Every structure is written in C-alpha cells, then in structure tokens.
Amino acid sequence: MLIAVPTKRLFMKITKKSYTALFPCPVVLVTCIDSTGKPNIITLAWAGTVCSEPPMIGLGVRPTRYSHKLITNSKEFVVNIPATKIIQETDYCGITSGKDIDKFSETKLTPEKADNVKAPLIRECPVNIECVLKKTVSLGTHDLFIGETVQVHINQSILDEKGNIDFTKAAPFTYNQGEYWSLHKKLGTYGFSKNKKEH
C-alpha cells in the first residue's frame, strides 16, 4: 500500500557547520617550474574563472605545497584541463609531491613548450591555458593565485563545426567533495530560458 508523503518533506533541509560545500569543482593540472627550469605538476580543484576582461583564472593553493613556492617565484603557470582517460595520472599528481619526484617521468605525461611562459603545457590535456601571475591573496589555509590568461591551446580534434569546444570530446571531469565525476550531456545554453519564454 502506497502512503502519500507531504510535499513539504521534499524540501526539508538539515544544517551543517560551514565547510567546502560548493560543487562541482573543475579538476585541473597546473604546471610550473623551479629556479632551474625543472617542471612540476599539481592537481587542483579549487580553480575557476574570476574575470572575463581581461580573462583571469584563480587558483587556491596551500602555502605548504611545493608548487606554491614555484608559482610565487616564477610568477607564471599553465592550467591544463585533463580528460577522463588520464584520470589516474591526474589523481597521482595530487597525492604526491614534486619536491620528491619527477611527476612527468612517473606519469609518462609529456611536457611541451609554451608560447609565452616557461612552464610547459601537458600534451595529453586537450586544453592548455598559459597564465601570468597578477596577484596573490592570503585567505587562510590557502592562498589565491590570480593569473591572467595570455594564450590558450586547444586540440583541433575536440572542436565542433563552429570551432567551439565539444565537451563530449574534451571529456573533462569534476571533483565533488572527494569524488571524481564525469560530465554526461548538455542541458541547455546560456540564455535559453529567456528564448523559451519569447516563443
């Protein structure tokens, strides 16, 4: 026998002490270099677009991380967007320190020369975004690195007929509070709700 559940129960909420509840977060591989030019990779999920003109990306990095020192000193980095096919390498770069190992050697990922910065691109990532550090903001456990985008590299194989990124081909994935999740399908385009009302 089915029992009717009051509609209001569907909207009941619990409260929790504040924590990093925002999801999904993009997973990125950030490359940087030390004073000798040796490259390193760090996996980050605290990353996102923070300005459109000029285009800027913000990265949240703990001061204790090896890459924090490298980005601070070199004042540049590359944001590489990994595809699901290198998820294992991506995870590995987030749980090991470049201070102790060469992550490019360990993961077999391929460094490629960038156009405007010394930090390398990662060939296996379909999108690479060269950035120059503009500002660092100390927040608490993390510092916010704000980098201005100076060049974007996109694999031709993931472009659609209009020259835009086909995200089904790019196959990015997200970090949801300790778990990696892939993207499945497009649900709409920006502004579609207004167009629907007009028709």
N, C-alpha and C. Protein backbone atom coordinates (compact mmCIF):
# COMPACT_ATOMS: atom_id res chain seq x y z
N MET A 1 0.84 -1.19 0.00
CA MET A 1 0.00 0.00 0.00
C MET A 1 0.88 1.26 0.00
N LEU A 2 0.62 2.18 -0.91
CA LEU A 2 1.41 3.40 -1.01
C LEU A 2 0.90 4.44 -0.02
N ILE A 3 1.85 5.11 0.62
CA ILE A 3 1.49 6.15 1.58
C ILE A 3 1.93 7.50 1.03
N ALA A 4 1.02 8.43 0.97
CA ALA A 4 1.34 9.76 0.45
C ALA A 4 2.28 10.48 1.39
N VAL A 5 3.30 11.09 0.82
CA VAL A 5 4.27 11.85 1.61
C VAL A 5 3.98 13.33 1.41
N PRO A 6 3.84 14.08 2.48
CA PRO A 6 3.57 15.52 2.35
C PRO A 6 4.62 16.20 1.47
N THR A 7 4.16 17.04 0.58
CA THR A 7 5.07 17.71 -0.36
C THR A 7 6.18 18.47 0.34
N LYS A 8 5.87 19.09 1.45
CA LYS A 8 6.88 19.91 2.13
C LYS A 8 8.09 19.10 2.57
N ARG A 9 7.95 17.79 2.73
CA ARG A 9 9.07 16.96 3.15
C ARG A 9 10.15 16.92 2.09
N LEU A 10 9.76 17.09 0.83
CA LEU A 10 10.73 17.05 -0.24
C LEU A 10 11.71 18.22 -0.16
N PHE A 11 11.29 19.27 0.54
CA PHE A 11 12.11 20.47 0.63
C PHE A 11 12.72 20.68 2.01
N MET A 12 12.60 19.70 2.87
CA MET A 12 13.19 19.82 4.20
C MET A 12 14.71 19.78 4.09
N LYS A 13 15.38 20.58 4.89
CA LYS A 13 16.83 20.64 4.85
C LYS A 13 17.40 20.48 6.24
N ILE A 14 18.64 20.02 6.28
CA ILE A 14 19.38 19.99 7.53
C ILE A 14 20.45 21.06 7.43
N THR A 15 21.01 21.44 8.53
CA THR A 15 22.10 22.42 8.51
C THR A 15 23.37 21.77 9.03
N LYS A 16 24.50 22.20 8.47
CA LYS A 16 25.80 21.70 8.89
C LYS A 16 26.72 22.87 9.14
N LYS A 17 27.72 22.62 9.95
CA LYS A 17 28.75 23.63 10.18
C LYS A 17 29.41 23.94 8.84
N SER A 18 29.84 25.17 8.64
CA SER A 18 30.41 25.57 7.34
C SER A 18 31.59 24.69 6.94
N TYR A 19 31.61 24.32 5.67
CA TYR A 19 32.71 23.53 5.11
C TYR A 19 32.74 23.79 3.61
N THR A 20 33.68 23.20 2.90
CA THR A 20 33.81 23.43 1.46
C THR A 20 32.71 22.66 0.73
N ALA A 21 31.51 23.21 0.73
CA ALA A 21 30.33 22.53 0.22
C ALA A 21 30.07 22.76 -1.27
N LEU A 22 30.74 23.73 -1.87
CA LEU A 22 30.47 24.04 -3.27
C LEU A 22 30.86 22.88 -4.18
N PHE A 23 29.97 22.55 -5.10
CA PHE A 23 30.27 21.52 -6.10
C PHE A 23 29.46 21.82 -7.35
N PRO A 24 29.87 21.35 -8.54
CA PRO A 24 31.14 20.65 -8.79
C PRO A 24 32.29 21.62 -8.93
N CYS A 25 33.50 21.11 -8.77
CA CYS A 25 34.71 21.91 -8.95
C CYS A 25 35.50 21.32 -10.12
N PRO A 26 36.01 22.16 -11.02
CA PRO A 26 36.77 21.61 -12.15
C PRO A 26 38.10 21.02 -11.69
N VAL A 27 38.48 19.91 -12.28
CA VAL A 27 39.78 19.32 -11.98
C VAL A 27 40.78 19.81 -13.02
N VAL A 28 41.88 20.39 -12.57
CA VAL A 28 42.90 20.88 -13.49
C VAL A 28 44.28 20.41 -13.05
N LEU A 29 45.17 20.32 -14.02
CA LEU A 29 46.57 20.03 -13.76
C LEU A 29 47.34 21.32 -14.02
N VAL A 30 47.98 21.84 -13.00
CA VAL A 30 48.71 23.10 -13.14
C VAL A 30 50.20 22.81 -13.20
N THR A 31 50.83 23.34 -14.23
CA THR A 31 52.28 23.16 -14.37
C THR A 31 52.99 24.45 -14.01
N CYS A 32 54.17 24.28 -13.42
CA CYS A 32 55.01 25.40 -13.01
C CYS A 32 56.45 24.93 -13.05
N ILE A 33 57.40 25.82 -12.82
CA ILE A 33 58.82 25.45 -12.89
C ILE A 33 59.58 25.96 -11.68
N ASP A 34 60.71 25.29 -11.38
CA ASP A 34 61.57 25.76 -10.31
C ASP A 34 62.62 26.71 -10.89
N SER A 35 63.56 27.12 -10.07
CA SER A 35 64.56 28.12 -10.49
C SER A 35 65.50 27.60 -11.57
N THR A 36 65.60 26.28 -11.72
CA THR A 36 66.46 25.70 -12.74
C THR A 36 65.69 25.38 -14.02
N GLY A 37 64.38 25.59 -14.01
CA GLY A 37 63.57 25.30 -15.18
C GLY A 37 62.93 23.92 -15.15
N LYS A 38 63.15 23.17 -14.05
CA LYS A 38 62.54 21.85 -13.95
C LYS A 38 61.04 22.00 -13.70
N PRO A 39 60.22 21.30 -14.50
CA PRO A 39 58.77 21.46 -14.37
C PRO A 39 58.15 20.57 -13.30
N ASN A 40 57.01 21.00 -12.81
CA ASN A 40 56.24 20.22 -11.84
C ASN A 40 54.76 20.31 -12.20
N ILE A 41 54.01 19.35 -11.69
CA ILE A 41 52.56 19.31 -11.92
C ILE A 41 51.86 19.21 -10.57
N ILE A 42 50.81 19.99 -10.40
CA ILE A 42 49.97 19.87 -9.21
C ILE A 42 48.51 19.75 -9.66
N THR A 43 47.77 18.86 -9.04
CA THR A 43 46.35 18.70 -9.33
C THR A 43 45.56 19.60 -8.38
N LEU A 44 44.65 20.39 -8.95
CA LEU A 44 43.85 21.30 -8.14
C LEU A 44 42.37 21.21 -8.52
N ALA A 45 41.52 21.42 -7.52
CA ALA A 45 40.09 21.53 -7.77
C ALA A 45 39.59 22.91 -7.38
N TRP A 46 40.36 23.61 -6.55
CA TRP A 46 39.99 24.97 -6.18
C TRP A 46 40.50 25.88 -7.30
N ALA A 47 39.76 25.91 -8.41
CA ALA A 47 40.17 26.68 -9.58
C ALA A 47 38.94 27.19 -10.31
N GLY A 48 39.05 28.37 -10.93
CA GLY A 48 37.92 28.88 -11.68
C GLY A 48 38.19 30.22 -12.33
N THR A 49 37.33 30.57 -13.28
CA THR A 49 37.40 31.88 -13.92
C THR A 49 36.96 32.96 -12.94
N VAL A 50 37.75 34.00 -12.80
CA VAL A 50 37.41 35.07 -11.86
C VAL A 50 37.22 36.42 -12.54
N CYS A 51 37.54 36.50 -13.83
CA CYS A 51 37.34 37.75 -14.58
C CYS A 51 37.31 37.42 -16.06
N SER A 52 36.47 38.18 -16.80
CA SER A 52 36.38 37.92 -18.24
C SER A 52 37.19 38.91 -19.08
N GLU A 53 37.32 40.15 -18.62
CA GLU A 53 38.12 41.15 -19.34
C GLU A 53 39.02 41.89 -18.38
N PRO A 54 40.31 41.61 -18.34
CA PRO A 54 40.98 40.55 -19.09
C PRO A 54 40.66 39.18 -18.49
N PRO A 55 40.75 38.13 -19.30
CA PRO A 55 40.45 36.80 -18.78
C PRO A 55 41.44 36.39 -17.69
N MET A 56 40.90 36.02 -16.52
CA MET A 56 41.76 35.63 -15.41
C MET A 56 41.25 34.36 -14.74
N ILE A 57 42.17 33.60 -14.20
CA ILE A 57 41.86 32.35 -13.51
C ILE A 57 42.40 32.43 -12.08
N GLY A 58 41.61 31.96 -11.13
CA GLY A 58 42.04 31.92 -9.74
C GLY A 58 42.33 30.50 -9.31
N LEU A 59 43.41 30.32 -8.57
CA LEU A 59 43.80 29.01 -8.05
C LEU A 59 43.98 29.10 -6.54
N GLY A 60 43.36 28.19 -5.80
CA GLY A 60 43.56 28.12 -4.37
C GLY A 60 44.62 27.08 -4.05
N VAL A 61 45.75 27.50 -3.48
CA VAL A 61 46.86 26.58 -3.21
C VAL A 61 47.36 26.79 -1.78
N ARG A 62 47.56 25.69 -1.08
CA ARG A 62 48.11 25.77 0.28
C ARG A 62 49.58 26.22 0.22
N PRO A 63 50.00 27.12 1.10
CA PRO A 63 51.39 27.56 1.14
C PRO A 63 52.37 26.42 1.39
N THR A 64 51.88 25.33 1.97
CA THR A 64 52.76 24.19 2.26
C THR A 64 53.05 23.33 1.03
N ARG A 65 52.28 23.54 -0.03
CA ARG A 65 52.50 22.75 -1.24
C ARG A 65 53.74 23.22 -1.98
N TYR A 66 54.47 22.28 -2.54
CA TYR A 66 55.71 22.59 -3.26
C TYR A 66 55.46 23.57 -4.41
N SER A 67 54.36 23.38 -5.12
CA SER A 67 54.05 24.24 -6.27
C SER A 67 53.78 25.68 -5.87
N HIS A 68 53.36 25.90 -4.64
CA HIS A 68 53.10 27.26 -4.16
C HIS A 68 54.37 28.10 -4.28
N LYS A 69 55.47 27.55 -3.84
CA LYS A 69 56.75 28.25 -3.91
C LYS A 69 57.16 28.49 -5.37
N LEU A 70 56.93 27.49 -6.21
CA LEU A 70 57.33 27.61 -7.61
C LEU A 70 56.54 28.71 -8.33
N ILE A 71 55.24 28.75 -8.09
CA ILE A 71 54.41 29.77 -8.73
C ILE A 71 54.75 31.15 -8.19
N THR A 72 54.98 31.23 -6.88
CA THR A 72 55.34 32.52 -6.26
C THR A 72 56.63 33.08 -6.86
N ASN A 73 57.61 32.21 -7.05
CA ASN A 73 58.92 32.66 -7.54
C ASN A 73 58.93 32.92 -9.05
N SER A 74 58.27 32.06 -9.81
CA SER A 74 58.30 32.19 -11.28
C SER A 74 57.27 33.17 -11.81
N LYS A 75 56.22 33.38 -10.99
CA LYS A 75 55.14 34.31 -11.36
C LYS A 75 54.43 33.92 -12.66
N GLU A 76 54.25 32.61 -12.85
CA GLU A 76 53.55 32.11 -14.03
C GLU A 76 53.12 30.67 -13.79
N PHE A 77 52.18 30.20 -14.60
CA PHE A 77 51.75 28.81 -14.53
C PHE A 77 50.90 28.51 -15.75
N VAL A 78 50.66 27.23 -15.98
CA VAL A 78 49.77 26.80 -17.06
C VAL A 78 48.67 25.93 -16.46
N VAL A 79 47.44 26.26 -16.79
CA VAL A 79 46.30 25.44 -16.36
C VAL A 79 45.98 24.47 -17.49
N ASN A 80 46.16 23.20 -17.23
CA ASN A 80 45.90 22.15 -18.21
C ASN A 80 44.63 21.40 -17.81
N ILE A 81 43.69 21.26 -18.73
CA ILE A 81 42.43 20.59 -18.42
C ILE A 81 42.51 19.13 -18.86
N PRO A 82 42.54 18.20 -17.90
CA PRO A 82 42.69 16.79 -18.25
C PRO A 82 41.39 16.15 -18.73
N ALA A 83 41.52 15.12 -19.54
CA ALA A 83 40.38 14.31 -19.98
C ALA A 83 40.29 13.08 -19.08
N THR A 84 39.14 12.43 -19.10
CA THR A 84 38.93 11.28 -18.23
C THR A 84 39.94 10.16 -18.47
N LYS A 85 40.50 10.09 -19.68
CA LYS A 85 41.42 8.99 -19.98
C LYS A 85 42.73 9.09 -19.19
N ILE A 86 43.01 10.27 -18.61
CA ILE A 86 44.22 10.37 -17.78
C ILE A 86 43.84 10.68 -16.32
N ILE A 87 42.71 10.17 -15.90
CA ILE A 87 42.25 10.43 -14.53
C ILE A 87 43.20 9.83 -13.49
N GLN A 88 43.79 8.67 -13.78
CA GLN A 88 44.69 8.05 -12.82
C GLN A 88 45.95 8.90 -12.65
N GLU A 89 46.50 9.39 -13.76
CA GLU A 89 47.67 10.26 -13.69
C GLU A 89 47.34 11.56 -12.96
N THR A 90 46.12 12.05 -13.20
CA THR A 90 45.69 13.29 -12.55
C THR A 90 45.62 13.11 -11.03
N ASP A 91 45.03 12.01 -10.61
CA ASP A 91 44.94 11.74 -9.17
C ASP A 91 46.33 11.60 -8.56
N TYR A 92 47.21 10.91 -9.25
CA TYR A 92 48.58 10.69 -8.76
C TYR A 92 49.30 12.03 -8.53
N CYS A 93 49.10 12.96 -9.45
CA CYS A 93 49.78 14.26 -9.33
C CYS A 93 49.24 15.08 -8.15
N GLY A 94 48.09 14.67 -7.61
CA GLY A 94 47.52 15.37 -6.49
C GLY A 94 47.88 14.78 -5.14
N ILE A 95 48.39 13.56 -5.14
CA ILE A 95 48.70 12.90 -3.86
C ILE A 95 50.19 12.70 -3.64
N THR A 96 51.01 13.21 -4.58
CA THR A 96 52.47 13.10 -4.43
C THR A 96 53.07 14.50 -4.54
N SER A 97 54.27 14.66 -4.05
CA SER A 97 54.93 15.96 -4.07
C SER A 97 56.05 16.00 -5.11
N GLY A 98 56.06 17.06 -5.90
CA GLY A 98 57.11 17.24 -6.89
C GLY A 98 58.45 17.56 -6.26
N LYS A 99 58.43 17.81 -4.99
CA LYS A 99 59.69 18.06 -4.27
C LYS A 99 60.50 16.78 -4.20
N ASP A 100 59.80 15.66 -4.20
CA ASP A 100 60.45 14.36 -4.03
C ASP A 100 60.60 13.57 -5.33
N ILE A 101 59.70 13.79 -6.29
CA ILE A 101 59.72 13.00 -7.52
C ILE A 101 59.49 13.89 -8.74
N ASP A 102 59.82 13.34 -9.91
CA ASP A 102 59.55 14.00 -11.18
C ASP A 102 58.21 13.44 -11.68
N LYS A 103 57.16 14.22 -11.57
CA LYS A 103 55.82 13.72 -11.91
C LYS A 103 55.65 13.46 -13.40
N PHE A 104 56.33 14.22 -14.23
CA PHE A 104 56.27 13.94 -15.67
C PHE A 104 56.85 12.57 -15.96
N SER A 105 57.97 12.25 -15.34
CA SER A 105 58.62 10.95 -15.53
C SER A 105 57.76 9.82 -14.97
N GLU A 106 57.21 10.02 -13.79
CA GLU A 106 56.41 8.98 -13.14
C GLU A 106 55.11 8.69 -13.86
N THR A 107 54.47 9.71 -14.39
CA THR A 107 53.16 9.53 -15.02
C THR A 107 53.25 9.29 -16.53
N LYS A 108 54.44 9.54 -17.10
CA LYS A 108 54.64 9.45 -18.56
C LYS A 108 53.86 10.52 -19.32
N LEU A 109 53.43 11.57 -18.62
CA LEU A 109 52.81 12.70 -19.31
C LEU A 109 53.91 13.48 -20.03
N THR A 110 53.52 14.19 -21.10
CA THR A 110 54.51 14.81 -21.97
C THR A 110 54.52 16.33 -21.86
N PRO A 111 55.65 16.92 -21.45
CA PRO A 111 55.73 18.39 -21.40
C PRO A 111 55.98 18.95 -22.80
N GLU A 112 55.30 20.04 -23.11
CA GLU A 112 55.51 20.72 -24.39
C GLU A 112 55.76 22.20 -24.14
N LYS A 113 56.58 22.79 -24.99
CA LYS A 113 56.94 24.20 -24.83
C LYS A 113 55.72 25.11 -25.01
N ALA A 114 55.57 26.06 -24.10
CA ALA A 114 54.51 27.05 -24.21
C ALA A 114 55.00 28.22 -25.06
N ASP A 115 54.09 29.12 -25.42
CA ASP A 115 54.46 30.25 -26.27
C ASP A 115 54.95 31.47 -25.48
N ASN A 116 54.35 31.70 -24.31
CA ASN A 116 54.61 32.94 -23.58
C ASN A 116 55.17 32.76 -22.17
N VAL A 117 55.10 31.56 -21.65
CA VAL A 117 55.63 31.31 -20.30
C VAL A 117 56.61 30.14 -20.36
N LYS A 118 57.40 30.01 -19.31
CA LYS A 118 58.40 28.94 -19.29
C LYS A 118 57.83 27.61 -18.80
N ALA A 119 56.75 27.69 -18.02
CA ALA A 119 56.11 26.45 -17.56
C ALA A 119 55.56 25.71 -18.79
N PRO A 120 55.64 24.38 -18.81
CA PRO A 120 55.22 23.64 -20.00
C PRO A 120 53.73 23.34 -20.06
N LEU A 121 53.27 23.05 -21.27
CA LEU A 121 51.93 22.50 -21.47
C LEU A 121 52.01 21.01 -21.25
N ILE A 122 50.88 20.37 -21.02
CA ILE A 122 50.83 18.91 -20.95
C ILE A 122 50.14 18.43 -22.22
N ARG A 123 50.87 17.71 -23.06
CA ARG A 123 50.35 17.29 -24.36
C ARG A 123 49.06 16.50 -24.25
N GLU A 124 48.95 15.65 -23.26
CA GLU A 124 47.79 14.77 -23.13
C GLU A 124 46.51 15.50 -22.71
N CYS A 125 46.64 16.75 -22.30
CA CYS A 125 45.46 17.55 -21.94
C CYS A 125 44.98 18.30 -23.17
N PRO A 126 43.69 18.19 -23.52
CA PRO A 126 43.18 18.81 -24.75
C PRO A 126 43.13 20.33 -24.73
N VAL A 127 43.19 20.93 -23.54
CA VAL A 127 43.18 22.39 -23.42
C VAL A 127 44.28 22.82 -22.44
N ASN A 128 45.05 23.82 -22.85
CA ASN A 128 46.13 24.35 -22.02
C ASN A 128 46.01 25.87 -22.00
N ILE A 129 46.07 26.46 -20.82
CA ILE A 129 45.88 27.90 -20.67
C ILE A 129 47.11 28.51 -19.99
N GLU A 130 47.86 29.28 -20.75
CA GLU A 130 49.05 29.94 -20.20
C GLU A 130 48.63 31.16 -19.38
N CYS A 131 49.20 31.29 -18.19
CA CYS A 131 48.83 32.38 -17.30
C CYS A 131 50.06 33.06 -16.70
N VAL A 132 49.94 34.37 -16.50
CA VAL A 132 50.96 35.16 -15.81
C VAL A 132 50.36 35.61 -14.48
N LEU A 133 51.07 35.36 -13.40
CA LEU A 133 50.57 35.71 -12.07
C LEU A 133 50.44 37.22 -11.90
N LYS A 134 49.25 37.67 -11.52
CA LYS A 134 49.00 39.10 -11.34
C LYS A 134 48.87 39.50 -9.87
N LYS A 135 48.35 38.57 -9.06
CA LYS A 135 48.13 38.92 -7.66
C LYS A 135 48.02 37.66 -6.82
N THR A 136 48.46 37.76 -5.57
CA THR A 136 48.32 36.67 -4.61
C THR A 136 47.60 37.21 -3.38
N VAL A 137 46.55 36.52 -2.99
CA VAL A 137 45.75 36.94 -1.83
C VAL A 137 45.79 35.84 -0.78
N SER A 138 46.23 36.16 0.42
CA SER A 138 46.27 35.20 1.51
C SER A 138 44.88 35.11 2.13
N LEU A 139 44.32 33.90 2.17
CA LEU A 139 42.94 33.73 2.63
C LEU A 139 42.82 33.00 3.97
N GLY A 140 43.74 32.11 4.25
CA GLY A 140 43.65 31.27 5.44
C GLY A 140 44.51 30.04 5.20
N THR A 141 43.88 28.88 5.08
CA THR A 141 44.66 27.67 4.78
C THR A 141 45.23 27.72 3.36
N HIS A 142 44.59 28.50 2.47
CA HIS A 142 45.02 28.60 1.09
C HIS A 142 45.32 30.05 0.71
N ASP A 143 46.21 30.20 -0.27
CA ASP A 143 46.43 31.48 -0.92
C ASP A 143 45.75 31.43 -2.28
N LEU A 144 45.22 32.56 -2.70
CA LEU A 144 44.58 32.64 -4.01
C LEU A 144 45.55 33.26 -5.00
N PHE A 145 45.95 32.47 -6.01
CA PHE A 145 46.78 32.97 -7.10
C PHE A 145 45.85 33.42 -8.22
N ILE A 146 45.97 34.66 -8.62
CA ILE A 146 45.16 35.17 -9.73
C ILE A 146 46.08 35.37 -10.93
N GLY A 147 45.81 34.61 -11.98
CA GLY A 147 46.65 34.67 -13.17
C GLY A 147 45.89 35.16 -14.38
N GLU A 148 46.53 36.01 -15.16
CA GLU A 148 45.91 36.49 -16.40
C GLU A 148 46.23 35.54 -17.55
N THR A 149 45.22 35.16 -18.28
CA THR A 149 45.40 34.27 -19.43
C THR A 149 46.09 35.02 -20.56
N VAL A 150 47.20 34.45 -21.06
CA VAL A 150 47.92 35.11 -22.15
C VAL A 150 47.91 34.28 -23.44
N GLN A 151 47.52 33.01 -23.34
CA GLN A 151 47.44 32.16 -24.53
C GLN A 151 46.63 30.91 -24.18
N VAL A 152 45.82 30.47 -25.14
CA VAL A 152 45.03 29.24 -24.96
C VAL A 152 45.33 28.29 -26.10
N HIS A 153 45.60 27.03 -25.77
CA HIS A 153 45.87 26.00 -26.77
C HIS A 153 44.74 24.96 -26.70
N ILE A 154 44.16 24.63 -27.86
CA ILE A 154 43.06 23.67 -27.90
C ILE A 154 43.32 22.64 -29.00
N ASN A 155 43.19 21.37 -28.66
CA ASN A 155 43.33 20.32 -29.67
C ASN A 155 42.24 20.47 -30.73
N GLN A 156 42.62 20.44 -31.98
CA GLN A 156 41.64 20.55 -33.06
C GLN A 156 40.62 19.41 -33.02
N SER A 157 41.04 18.27 -32.51
CA SER A 157 40.17 17.08 -32.50
C SER A 157 38.96 17.24 -31.59
N ILE A 158 38.96 18.23 -30.69
CA ILE A 158 37.80 18.38 -29.79
C ILE A 158 36.90 19.56 -30.19
N LEU A 159 37.19 20.18 -31.34
CA LEU A 159 36.39 21.30 -31.80
C LEU A 159 35.19 20.83 -32.63
N ASP A 160 34.08 21.55 -32.52
CA ASP A 160 32.91 21.23 -33.34
C ASP A 160 33.00 22.00 -34.66
N GLU A 161 31.95 21.89 -35.49
CA GLU A 161 31.98 22.51 -36.81
C GLU A 161 32.04 24.04 -36.76
N LYS A 162 31.68 24.63 -35.60
CA LYS A 162 31.72 26.07 -35.45
C LYS A 162 33.04 26.56 -34.83
N GLY A 163 33.91 25.62 -34.50
CA GLY A 163 35.18 26.00 -33.90
C GLY A 163 35.14 26.12 -32.39
N ASN A 164 34.04 25.69 -31.80
CA ASN A 164 33.90 25.71 -30.34
C ASN A 164 34.27 24.36 -29.76
N ILE A 165 34.59 24.35 -28.47
CA ILE A 165 34.95 23.09 -27.82
C ILE A 165 33.73 22.20 -27.70
N ASP A 166 33.85 20.97 -28.17
CA ASP A 166 32.82 19.94 -27.99
C ASP A 166 33.17 19.22 -26.69
N PHE A 167 32.41 19.48 -25.63
CA PHE A 167 32.78 18.96 -24.31
C PHE A 167 32.63 17.45 -24.20
N THR A 168 31.85 16.85 -25.08
CA THR A 168 31.77 15.38 -25.07
C THR A 168 33.09 14.79 -25.57
N LYS A 169 33.75 15.50 -26.46
CA LYS A 169 35.05 15.04 -26.96
C LYS A 169 36.17 15.41 -26.00
N ALA A 170 36.06 16.58 -25.38
CA ALA A 170 37.09 17.02 -24.43
C ALA A 170 37.10 16.14 -23.19
N ALA A 171 35.92 15.64 -22.81
CA ALA A 171 35.76 14.71 -21.68
C ALA A 171 36.40 15.20 -20.38
N PRO A 172 36.07 16.42 -19.93
CA PRO A 172 36.59 16.88 -18.64
C PRO A 172 35.87 16.17 -17.50
N PHE A 173 36.37 16.34 -16.30
CA PHE A 173 35.68 15.77 -15.15
C PHE A 173 35.79 16.72 -13.97
N THR A 174 34.97 16.47 -12.96
CA THR A 174 34.90 17.37 -11.82
C THR A 174 35.25 16.65 -10.53
N TYR A 175 35.46 17.47 -9.51
CA TYR A 175 35.74 16.96 -8.16
C TYR A 175 34.57 17.34 -7.28
N ASN A 176 33.89 16.34 -6.75
CA ASN A 176 32.72 16.57 -5.91
C ASN A 176 32.98 16.04 -4.50
N GLN A 177 33.55 16.90 -3.66
CA GLN A 177 33.75 16.56 -2.25
C GLN A 177 34.39 15.18 -2.05
N GLY A 178 35.53 14.99 -2.70
CA GLY A 178 36.30 13.77 -2.52
C GLY A 178 36.11 12.74 -3.62
N GLU A 179 35.22 13.01 -4.57
CA GLU A 179 34.95 12.06 -5.66
C GLU A 179 35.12 12.74 -7.01
N TYR A 180 35.60 11.96 -7.99
CA TYR A 180 35.70 12.45 -9.35
C TYR A 180 34.43 12.06 -10.11
N TRP A 181 33.86 13.02 -10.83
CA TRP A 181 32.64 12.77 -11.62
C TRP A 181 32.82 13.28 -13.04
N SER A 182 32.36 12.52 -14.00
CA SER A 182 32.43 12.96 -15.39
C SER A 182 31.20 13.79 -15.73
N LEU A 183 31.25 14.44 -16.90
CA LEU A 183 30.10 15.19 -17.40
C LEU A 183 29.40 14.32 -18.45
N HIS A 184 28.08 14.39 -18.52
CA HIS A 184 27.36 13.48 -19.41
C HIS A 184 26.74 14.13 -20.63
N LYS A 185 25.95 15.17 -20.44
CA LYS A 185 25.27 15.75 -21.61
C LYS A 185 24.95 17.21 -21.38
N LYS A 186 24.73 17.91 -22.50
CA LYS A 186 24.35 19.31 -22.43
C LYS A 186 22.88 19.41 -22.06
N LEU A 187 22.56 20.32 -21.16
CA LEU A 187 21.18 20.51 -20.72
C LEU A 187 20.55 21.78 -21.31
N GLY A 188 21.38 22.69 -21.76
CA GLY A 188 20.87 23.93 -22.32
C GLY A 188 22.03 24.86 -22.60
N THR A 189 21.73 26.01 -23.16
CA THR A 189 22.76 27.01 -23.41
C THR A 189 22.41 28.29 -22.66
N TYR A 190 23.41 29.13 -22.42
CA TYR A 190 23.19 30.36 -21.67
C TYR A 190 22.11 31.20 -22.33
N GLY A 191 21.09 31.58 -21.55
CA GLY A 191 20.01 32.41 -22.05
C GLY A 191 18.83 31.63 -22.62
N PHE A 192 18.88 30.30 -22.58
CA PHE A 192 17.81 29.50 -23.19
C PHE A 192 16.45 29.72 -22.52
N SER A 193 16.44 30.08 -21.23
CA SER A 193 15.16 30.28 -20.53
C SER A 193 14.41 31.49 -21.09
N LYS A 194 15.14 32.54 -21.43
CA LYS A 194 14.51 33.73 -22.00
C LYS A 194 13.97 33.44 -23.39
N ASN A 195 14.75 32.75 -24.19
CA ASN A 195 14.30 32.42 -25.55
C ASN A 195 13.07 31.54 -25.53
N LYS A 196 13.00 30.64 -24.56
CA LYS A 196 11.86 29.75 -24.45
C LYS A 196 10.59 30.55 -24.13
N LYS A 197 10.71 31.54 -23.26
CA LYS A 197 9.56 32.35 -22.88
C LYS A 197 9.08 33.21 -24.04
N GLU A 198 10.04 33.65 -24.88
CA GLU A 198 9.66 34.50 -26.01
C GLU A 198 8.91 33.73 -27.09
N HIS A 199 9.11 32.44 -27.12
CA HIS A 199 8.43 31.62 -28.13
C HIS A 199 7.27 30.86 -27.51
